[in-house]
Amino acid sequence: MFKITNATKKNALLNEVIITNETLKLNCSIYPNLGASIQKLNSNEIEIIDGITNNEKGLELYKNKFNSSFLFPSPNRIADGKYSFNKVDYQLECNETSLNNSLHGHIYNKSFNVTKTETSENLAIVTFSYKNNGTITGFPFSYQLDITYTFSENNLQLDFKVTNLDEQEFPFGLGWHPYFKVKNLSSSTLNFDGNTKYFLNKQMIPQQEIELPFKTPLTLGSIFLDDCFLINKPLTLFKCDDYNIEIDFSSENKKSFLQVYTPNTRDCIAIEPMTCAPNSFNNQNGLLTLNPNETFDWKINLKF
């Protein structure tokens, strides 16, 4: 039986929605006030998600690492935080000061409300909602974002619903920034169907598509990755010593986008499905727009 409980902490940023299933040995933790991000996913006593600790040190880590954060309205980077849309110029906050970029949108540190919970023998469902009234610097558009987690045996499904509450259309993209815990990254393998990636300038902004310097499936060895890949199917496989995962994400675009990052610690890997490329507000690669009163749905399915 699945159970959903709430843990309230002295620092509200550390509040948790906890999903458990004793039979499946499943233990998960979602932080509503950190952008509804999942910071724990343990199955059969194996750590899958590499999240933060529930303390001030964990909060400091989240500011720099964006563990499992959701990326909206601009996944990855926007060069100098600048873009133009419908002949109007906008300036986003540059929170990546070292490279002068706007990084990972603005919902990663916002507070979401729990609007639905449901449990049964086979499922646990939690919906988190956030509404913005056009108060974000550089993105003065009103919208609502609903994120639904559905847990079942060896599976997590994420459903996103973006609703335009504004009187004008706006540009956007969506992404997810999970890190997966790995004991031996060098022997792990990454697999996807694609043969190109973006060449990046010194500001980590895509310039043009180039051929992959490796074949897939890729045994990671000592390779360092911080790249956006253009893939033919919205599907990625990752295998390590303790578990295998499959990330399947819906896409209405002809191209699908996948960011992969291997930190120098070599104890985890970020595998990030995205609806668009970095700097999409400027290069238009995968950029989506939403008209007033319309909605957009996106889905990620994680099998583990």
Protein backbone atom coordinates (compact mmCIF):
# COMPACT_ATOMS: atom_id res chain seq x y z
CA MET A 1 0.00 0.00 0.00
CA PHE A 2 1.25 3.46 -0.89
CA LYS A 3 1.18 6.17 1.78
CA ILE A 4 1.62 9.94 1.57
CA THR A 5 2.65 11.93 4.65
CA ASN A 6 3.81 15.48 5.32
CA ALA A 7 6.83 16.55 7.36
CA THR A 8 6.86 20.17 8.52
CA LYS A 9 10.22 21.63 9.48
CA LYS A 10 11.34 24.78 11.31
CA ASN A 11 12.70 26.07 8.01
CA ALA A 12 9.74 25.77 5.63
CA LEU A 13 12.09 25.31 2.68
CA LEU A 14 12.84 21.87 4.11
CA ASN A 15 9.19 20.77 4.35
CA GLU A 16 8.64 17.37 2.74
CA VAL A 17 5.89 15.37 1.11
CA ILE A 18 6.91 11.76 1.70
CA ILE A 19 5.74 8.81 -0.39
CA THR A 20 6.35 5.30 0.91
CA ASN A 21 5.46 1.72 0.10
CA GLU A 22 6.78 -0.87 2.55
CA THR A 23 6.09 -3.81 0.24
CA LEU A 24 8.09 -2.25 -2.60
CA LYS A 25 10.66 -0.81 -0.18
CA LEU A 26 10.02 2.56 -1.83
CA ASN A 27 10.85 5.85 -0.07
CA CYS A 28 10.55 9.21 -1.79
CA SER A 29 10.68 12.82 -0.66
CA ILE A 30 9.45 15.93 -2.50
CA TYR A 31 10.12 19.49 -1.33
CA PRO A 32 7.12 21.75 -2.20
CA ASN A 33 9.02 24.95 -1.35
CA LEU A 34 12.00 24.04 -3.51
CA GLY A 35 10.08 24.06 -6.76
CA ALA A 36 8.29 20.76 -5.96
CA SER A 37 11.59 18.94 -6.60
CA ILE A 38 12.11 15.29 -5.66
CA GLN A 39 15.13 14.93 -3.40
CA LYS A 40 14.90 11.23 -2.53
CA LEU A 41 13.98 8.17 -4.55
CA ASN A 42 15.04 4.93 -2.90
CA SER A 43 13.88 1.56 -4.18
CA ASN A 44 14.79 -1.78 -2.61
CA GLU A 45 17.21 0.14 -0.37
CA ILE A 46 19.07 1.50 -3.43
CA GLU A 47 19.52 5.27 -3.80
CA ILE A 48 18.51 6.35 -7.29
CA ILE A 49 18.06 10.13 -7.02
CA ASP A 50 21.05 12.09 -5.72
CA GLY A 51 19.29 14.78 -3.72
CA ILE A 52 20.05 17.15 -0.87
CA THR A 53 20.21 16.50 2.86
CA ASN A 54 17.36 17.91 4.96
CA ASN A 55 19.35 20.71 6.59
CA GLU A 56 20.93 24.10 5.88
CA LYS A 57 23.89 22.43 4.18
CA GLY A 58 21.46 20.77 1.79
CA LEU A 59 19.87 24.12 0.96
CA GLU A 60 23.27 25.58 0.09
CA LEU A 61 23.97 22.62 -2.17
CA TYR A 62 20.64 23.07 -3.95
CA LYS A 63 21.47 26.70 -4.79
CA ASN A 64 24.53 25.58 -6.73
CA LYS A 65 23.56 22.14 -8.02
CA PHE A 66 19.81 22.49 -8.76
CA ASN A 67 19.20 18.87 -7.67
CA SER A 68 16.10 17.55 -9.49
CA SER A 69 14.85 21.08 -10.13
CA PHE A 70 12.24 21.74 -12.80
CA LEU A 71 13.31 24.18 -15.47
CA PHE A 72 10.80 26.75 -16.67
CA PRO A 73 10.37 28.91 -18.69
CA SER A 74 13.93 28.52 -20.01
CA PRO A 75 15.85 25.26 -19.51
CA ASN A 76 19.61 25.65 -19.19
CA ARG A 77 21.14 29.00 -20.20
CA ILE A 78 20.03 32.27 -21.79
CA ALA A 79 23.06 34.26 -22.93
CA ASP A 80 23.46 37.45 -20.87
CA GLY A 81 19.83 36.96 -19.79
CA LYS A 82 18.68 38.85 -22.87
CA TYR A 83 16.06 37.97 -25.47
CA SER A 84 13.47 39.56 -27.74
CA PHE A 85 9.93 38.31 -28.26
CA ASN A 86 7.28 39.92 -30.48
CA LYS A 87 9.58 42.91 -31.02
CA VAL A 88 9.96 43.58 -27.29
CA ASP A 89 13.35 43.29 -25.54
CA TYR A 90 13.57 41.56 -22.15
CA GLN A 91 16.29 41.24 -19.50
CA LEU A 92 16.26 38.23 -17.17
CA GLU A 93 18.19 38.02 -13.92
CA CYS A 94 21.70 36.60 -14.53
CA ASN A 95 22.00 34.11 -11.69
CA GLU A 96 25.05 32.41 -13.24
CA THR A 97 27.33 35.32 -12.50
CA SER A 98 30.57 33.62 -13.58
CA LEU A 99 29.34 33.40 -17.19
CA ASN A 100 26.76 36.21 -17.07
CA ASN A 101 23.85 33.92 -18.00
CA SER A 102 20.32 33.38 -16.84
CA LEU A 103 20.35 29.75 -15.70
CA HIS A 104 17.51 27.20 -15.38
CA GLY A 105 14.53 29.54 -15.40
CA HIS A 106 12.88 30.75 -12.20
CA ILE A 107 10.63 28.09 -10.63
CA TYR A 108 13.37 26.00 -9.00
CA ASN A 109 13.08 27.98 -5.74
CA LYS A 110 9.35 28.76 -5.81
CA SER A 111 6.74 27.42 -3.40
CA PHE A 112 4.12 25.04 -4.82
CA ASN A 113 0.80 24.11 -3.23
CA VAL A 114 -0.34 20.52 -2.96
CA THR A 115 -3.65 20.44 -4.84
CA LYS A 116 -4.30 16.71 -5.10
CA THR A 117 -3.28 13.49 -3.35
CA GLU A 118 -4.44 9.95 -4.02
CA THR A 119 -3.22 6.59 -2.80
CA SER A 120 -4.12 2.98 -3.47
CA GLU A 121 -2.53 -0.43 -3.40
CA ASN A 122 -0.77 0.24 -6.70
CA LEU A 123 -0.45 4.03 -7.03
CA ALA A 124 0.39 7.26 -5.27
CA ILE A 125 -0.49 10.54 -6.99
CA VAL A 126 0.48 14.04 -5.85
CA THR A 127 -0.15 17.25 -7.78
CA PHE A 128 1.75 20.46 -7.04
CA SER A 129 0.62 23.83 -8.43
CA TYR A 130 2.29 27.21 -8.81
CA LYS A 131 0.73 30.40 -10.15
CA ASN A 132 2.65 33.50 -11.21
CA ASN A 133 0.94 36.83 -11.88
CA GLY A 134 3.62 38.22 -14.17
CA THR A 135 5.95 39.40 -11.40
CA ILE A 136 9.20 37.82 -12.64
CA THR A 137 11.85 40.22 -13.94
CA GLY A 138 12.28 39.63 -17.67
CA PHE A 139 9.27 37.29 -17.89
CA PRO A 140 6.21 39.46 -17.14
CA PHE A 141 3.62 36.85 -18.14
CA SER A 142 0.92 35.26 -15.99
CA TYR A 143 0.71 31.48 -15.97
CA GLN A 144 -0.02 28.40 -13.89
CA LEU A 145 2.15 25.30 -13.78
CA ASP A 146 0.81 22.00 -12.45
CA ILE A 147 3.20 19.10 -11.86
CA THR A 148 1.79 15.66 -11.07
CA TYR A 149 3.89 12.83 -9.68
CA THR A 150 2.50 9.32 -10.16
CA PHE A 151 4.37 6.54 -8.38
CA SER A 152 3.87 2.87 -9.15
CA GLU A 153 6.04 -0.23 -8.97
CA ASN A 154 9.49 0.64 -10.42
CA ASN A 155 8.06 3.70 -12.14
CA LEU A 156 7.69 7.45 -11.71
CA GLN A 157 5.61 9.46 -14.15
CA LEU A 158 5.78 13.26 -14.25
CA ASP A 159 2.98 15.18 -15.94
CA PHE A 160 3.37 18.90 -16.60
CA LYS A 161 0.56 21.27 -17.50
CA VAL A 162 1.35 24.89 -18.39
CA THR A 163 -1.63 27.27 -18.63
CA ASN A 164 -1.32 30.77 -20.08
CA LEU A 165 -3.28 33.13 -17.81
CA ASP A 166 -2.00 36.23 -19.57
CA GLU A 167 -3.54 38.39 -22.27
CA GLN A 168 -0.67 37.75 -24.65
CA GLU A 169 1.32 34.76 -25.84
CA PHE A 170 4.68 33.94 -24.28
CA PRO A 171 7.75 31.85 -25.17
CA PHE A 172 8.81 28.91 -23.02
CA GLY A 173 10.50 25.57 -22.65
CA LEU A 174 10.49 22.86 -20.00
CA GLY A 175 13.14 20.63 -18.51
CA TRP A 176 14.03 18.43 -15.56
CA HIS A 177 17.44 18.42 -13.84
CA PRO A 178 17.76 15.15 -11.87
CA TYR A 179 21.08 13.75 -10.64
CA PHE A 180 21.31 9.99 -10.36
CA LYS A 181 23.46 8.42 -7.64
CA VAL A 182 26.35 6.33 -9.01
CA LYS A 183 28.99 4.37 -7.11
CA ASN A 184 31.11 3.59 -10.17
CA LEU A 185 30.55 6.09 -12.97
CA SER A 186 33.44 4.79 -15.07
CA SER A 187 31.75 1.42 -15.67
CA SER A 188 28.30 2.95 -16.27
CA THR A 189 26.77 3.24 -19.75
CA LEU A 190 24.64 5.91 -21.38
CA ASN A 191 22.58 5.18 -24.47
CA PHE A 192 20.43 7.29 -26.78
CA ASP A 193 19.62 7.48 -30.48
CA GLY A 194 21.48 10.49 -31.82
CA ASN A 195 24.61 11.52 -33.69
CA THR A 196 24.94 15.28 -33.10
CA LYS A 197 25.48 17.68 -30.24
CA TYR A 198 25.96 21.41 -29.87
CA PHE A 199 29.37 23.05 -30.01
CA LEU A 200 29.48 25.52 -27.11
CA ASN A 201 31.34 28.80 -26.82
CA LYS A 202 33.18 29.94 -23.68
CA GLN A 203 29.87 31.15 -22.26
CA MET A 204 28.46 27.59 -22.64
CA ILE A 205 26.04 28.81 -25.31
CA PRO A 206 25.31 26.58 -28.38
CA GLN A 207 26.84 27.76 -31.65
CA GLN A 208 26.21 24.97 -34.15
CA GLU A 209 25.51 21.27 -34.43
CA ILE A 210 28.55 18.98 -34.64
CA GLU A 211 29.01 15.25 -34.95
CA LEU A 212 29.23 13.17 -31.80
CA PRO A 213 32.83 12.30 -30.89
CA PHE A 214 31.71 8.86 -29.64
CA LYS A 215 29.33 6.02 -30.42
CA THR A 216 26.40 4.97 -28.25
CA PRO A 217 25.95 3.10 -26.01
CA LEU A 218 28.80 4.93 -24.31
CA THR A 219 30.79 3.50 -21.41
CA LEU A 220 31.60 6.65 -19.49
CA GLY A 221 35.08 5.76 -18.24
CA SER A 222 36.86 9.03 -17.45
CA ILE A 223 34.84 11.10 -19.94
CA PHE A 224 33.58 14.48 -18.75
CA LEU A 225 30.25 15.63 -20.19
CA ASP A 226 28.45 18.95 -20.01
CA ASP A 227 26.69 18.80 -23.34
CA CYS A 228 23.34 19.12 -25.06
CA PHE A 229 22.60 16.29 -27.47
CA LEU A 230 20.04 16.30 -30.27
CA ILE A 231 18.36 12.92 -30.23
CA ASN A 232 16.04 11.23 -32.69
CA LYS A 233 13.81 9.62 -30.07
CA PRO A 234 12.87 11.08 -26.67
CA LEU A 235 14.34 8.09 -24.87
CA THR A 236 17.51 7.65 -22.81
CA LEU A 237 18.92 4.59 -21.07
CA PHE A 238 21.43 4.59 -18.22
CA LYS A 239 22.97 1.53 -16.58
CA CYS A 240 25.21 1.43 -13.53
CA ASP A 241 26.31 -1.26 -11.08
CA ASP A 242 23.25 -0.92 -8.81
CA TYR A 243 20.33 -0.19 -11.16
CA ASN A 244 19.13 0.60 -14.68
CA ILE A 245 16.87 3.49 -15.64
CA GLU A 246 14.90 4.45 -18.71
CA ILE A 247 13.78 8.04 -19.27
CA ASP A 248 11.05 8.48 -21.85
CA PHE A 249 9.78 12.00 -22.49
CA SER A 250 7.05 13.12 -24.86
CA SER A 251 7.89 15.69 -27.47
CA GLU A 252 5.88 17.62 -30.06
CA ASN A 253 9.05 18.78 -31.78
CA LYS A 254 10.83 16.95 -34.57
CA LYS A 255 13.98 17.11 -32.46
CA SER A 256 14.39 16.11 -28.83
CA PHE A 257 16.98 17.62 -26.53
CA LEU A 258 19.02 15.94 -23.81
CA GLN A 259 21.54 17.59 -21.50
CA VAL A 260 24.07 15.37 -19.71
CA TYR A 261 26.48 16.54 -17.02
CA THR A 262 29.07 14.53 -15.10
CA PRO A 263 30.30 16.49 -12.05
CA ASN A 264 33.96 16.28 -11.05
CA THR A 265 32.93 14.35 -7.94
CA ARG A 266 32.12 11.40 -10.25
CA ASP A 267 29.52 10.14 -7.76
CA CYS A 268 26.44 11.08 -9.81
CA ILE A 269 25.28 12.03 -13.30
CA ALA A 270 22.72 14.60 -14.41
CA ILE A 271 20.49 13.35 -17.24
CA GLU A 272 18.18 16.18 -18.23
CA PRO A 273 15.30 15.84 -20.71
CA MET A 274 14.31 19.18 -22.24
CA THR A 275 11.75 20.41 -24.75
CA CYS A 276 14.26 22.85 -26.27
CA ALA A 277 17.93 23.70 -26.61
CA PRO A 278 19.91 26.01 -24.31
CA ASN A 279 19.46 29.67 -25.27
CA SER A 280 16.26 28.75 -27.13
CA PHE A 281 14.76 32.19 -26.45
CA ASN A 282 17.38 33.48 -28.89
CA ASN A 283 18.21 30.60 -31.25
CA GLN A 284 14.59 29.33 -31.48
CA ASN A 285 15.73 25.68 -31.35
CA GLY A 286 12.73 23.86 -29.92
CA LEU A 287 11.22 27.07 -28.55
CA LEU A 288 7.51 26.79 -27.73
CA THR A 289 4.88 29.53 -27.50
CA LEU A 290 1.55 29.48 -25.72
CA ASN A 291 -1.47 31.62 -26.56
CA PRO A 292 -3.77 33.15 -23.93
CA ASN A 293 -6.05 30.59 -22.20
CA GLU A 294 -4.26 27.68 -23.88
CA THR A 295 -2.48 24.81 -22.14
CA PHE A 296 0.57 22.70 -22.92
CA ASP A 297 1.14 19.19 -21.62
CA TRP A 298 4.46 17.35 -21.31
CA LYS A 299 5.26 13.99 -19.80
CA ILE A 300 8.38 12.25 -18.48
CA ASN A 301 8.35 8.58 -17.56
CA LEU A 302 11.18 7.23 -15.41
CA LYS A 303 11.45 3.45 -15.13
CA PHE A 304 13.87 2.11 -12.55
